[in-house]
Amino acid sequence: MAVPIAVLDCDLLLYGRGHRTLDRFKLEDVTDEYLVSTYGFPRQFICYLVDLLGATLSRPTQRSRAISPETQILAALGFYTSGSFQTRMGDAIGISQASMSRCVANVTEALVERASQFIHFPKDEATVQTLKEDFYGLAGMPGVLGVVDCTHVAIKAPNAEDLSYVNRKGLHSLNCLMVCDSRGVLLSAETHWPGSLADCAVLEQAALTSQFETELHKDGWLLGDSSFLLRTWLMTPLHIPETPAEYRYNMAHSATHNVIERTFRTIRARFRCLDGSKGTLQYSPEKSSHIILACCVLHNISLQHGLDVWSAPATGHTEQSEEEYEQRESVDSEACRVRQELLLTHFS
């Protein structure tokens, strides 16, 4: 579909090069179908992002000030959802590949600045109670405030000497710790951990642990798989279930925890820059971490806009998790007591 555009030689003025820069891309000139197929999202969603980020993307101190917020957002969405700076993407909105890259950087930082606005645990009691009830409705597991897991995203090697990002498969990656609710809304996302760290080690050092051990989360818990240690606020499966109650507990735990795996698949399917099919993220670990977090913010915003259909699994070079599930026995006697009480009260 041919899209009429007006092109100005702004790059020549700004950067001393003859790149063409789009003066204005009019969303009303194209169909929703075109926007979804090219940029991954419908007009209403894109207009919301323009309202949300427009002031930030129009700051006169930014190098890409000649490019409208609309165009910057379309360029970034095109990269997030396709994983590519293909020439056709730049041609569609009339900007060079170099300008595409600057747009992605600007939009990424604008979204990261707003991460706490869209990714957080509920604060008021009524919302927390609804959160628990929604989880209970899945498989009968009570008191659940979220499900937690890690997923790896492939990145380019930072340098030959730095092995901290080499995961158990010998690939460079970031190990991302995330928590979601029963609908797949992210409640926490830490995207900066080196791929060499095991899931258990990531959680040990994460802000999430400090949050649950120091704040008021005494009336519920997260669910984590066997790669994590049992804690008073983190319920894990039983290593070798023996009684009917223990089997019922493990089954309810597994069915509830599966939500985070579906969420990872949805994020990778929606944001192909993360799924490995176009290769690794060609940025430093810090910038790659910001891109992942920006996609997490967009994931939550999309759910707010009703774009919440579970997607089919994405194919890529990096598995959902690099962890080999080693059963980890907890030495926390209070955590063992809490789990045993849960078993007796709800699964016996």
Foldseek 3Di string as FASTA:
>chain_A
DDQDFDWDQVCCVLPVDRWIAGQDHDPVRDAQVVLCVQLNGGPVLLVVLCVLCQVQQCPPVQSVNSHHLSLLSSLLSNCQQPVDLDPVSCVRRRGDSVVSVSSNLSLLVSLLVCLVVQAAFDDDPVVQVVLQVLLCVQQNQGQARWAKDKFWFFADDQDPPDPQQQAPVRTGTWIKIWIATQLLQTNDIDGQHRRHDQGQRCCVPDPVVVCVVPDPSQRGAYEYEQSYEQDLRYDYQDPDDDDQLSVSVNVSSVSSNCSNVLSLQQLCNRGVSGAAPNHHHHDHSVSVSSSSSSSSSVVSVCVVVVVRDRDDGDHHDTDRDPDDRDGDYHPPVVSVVSVVVSSVPRRD
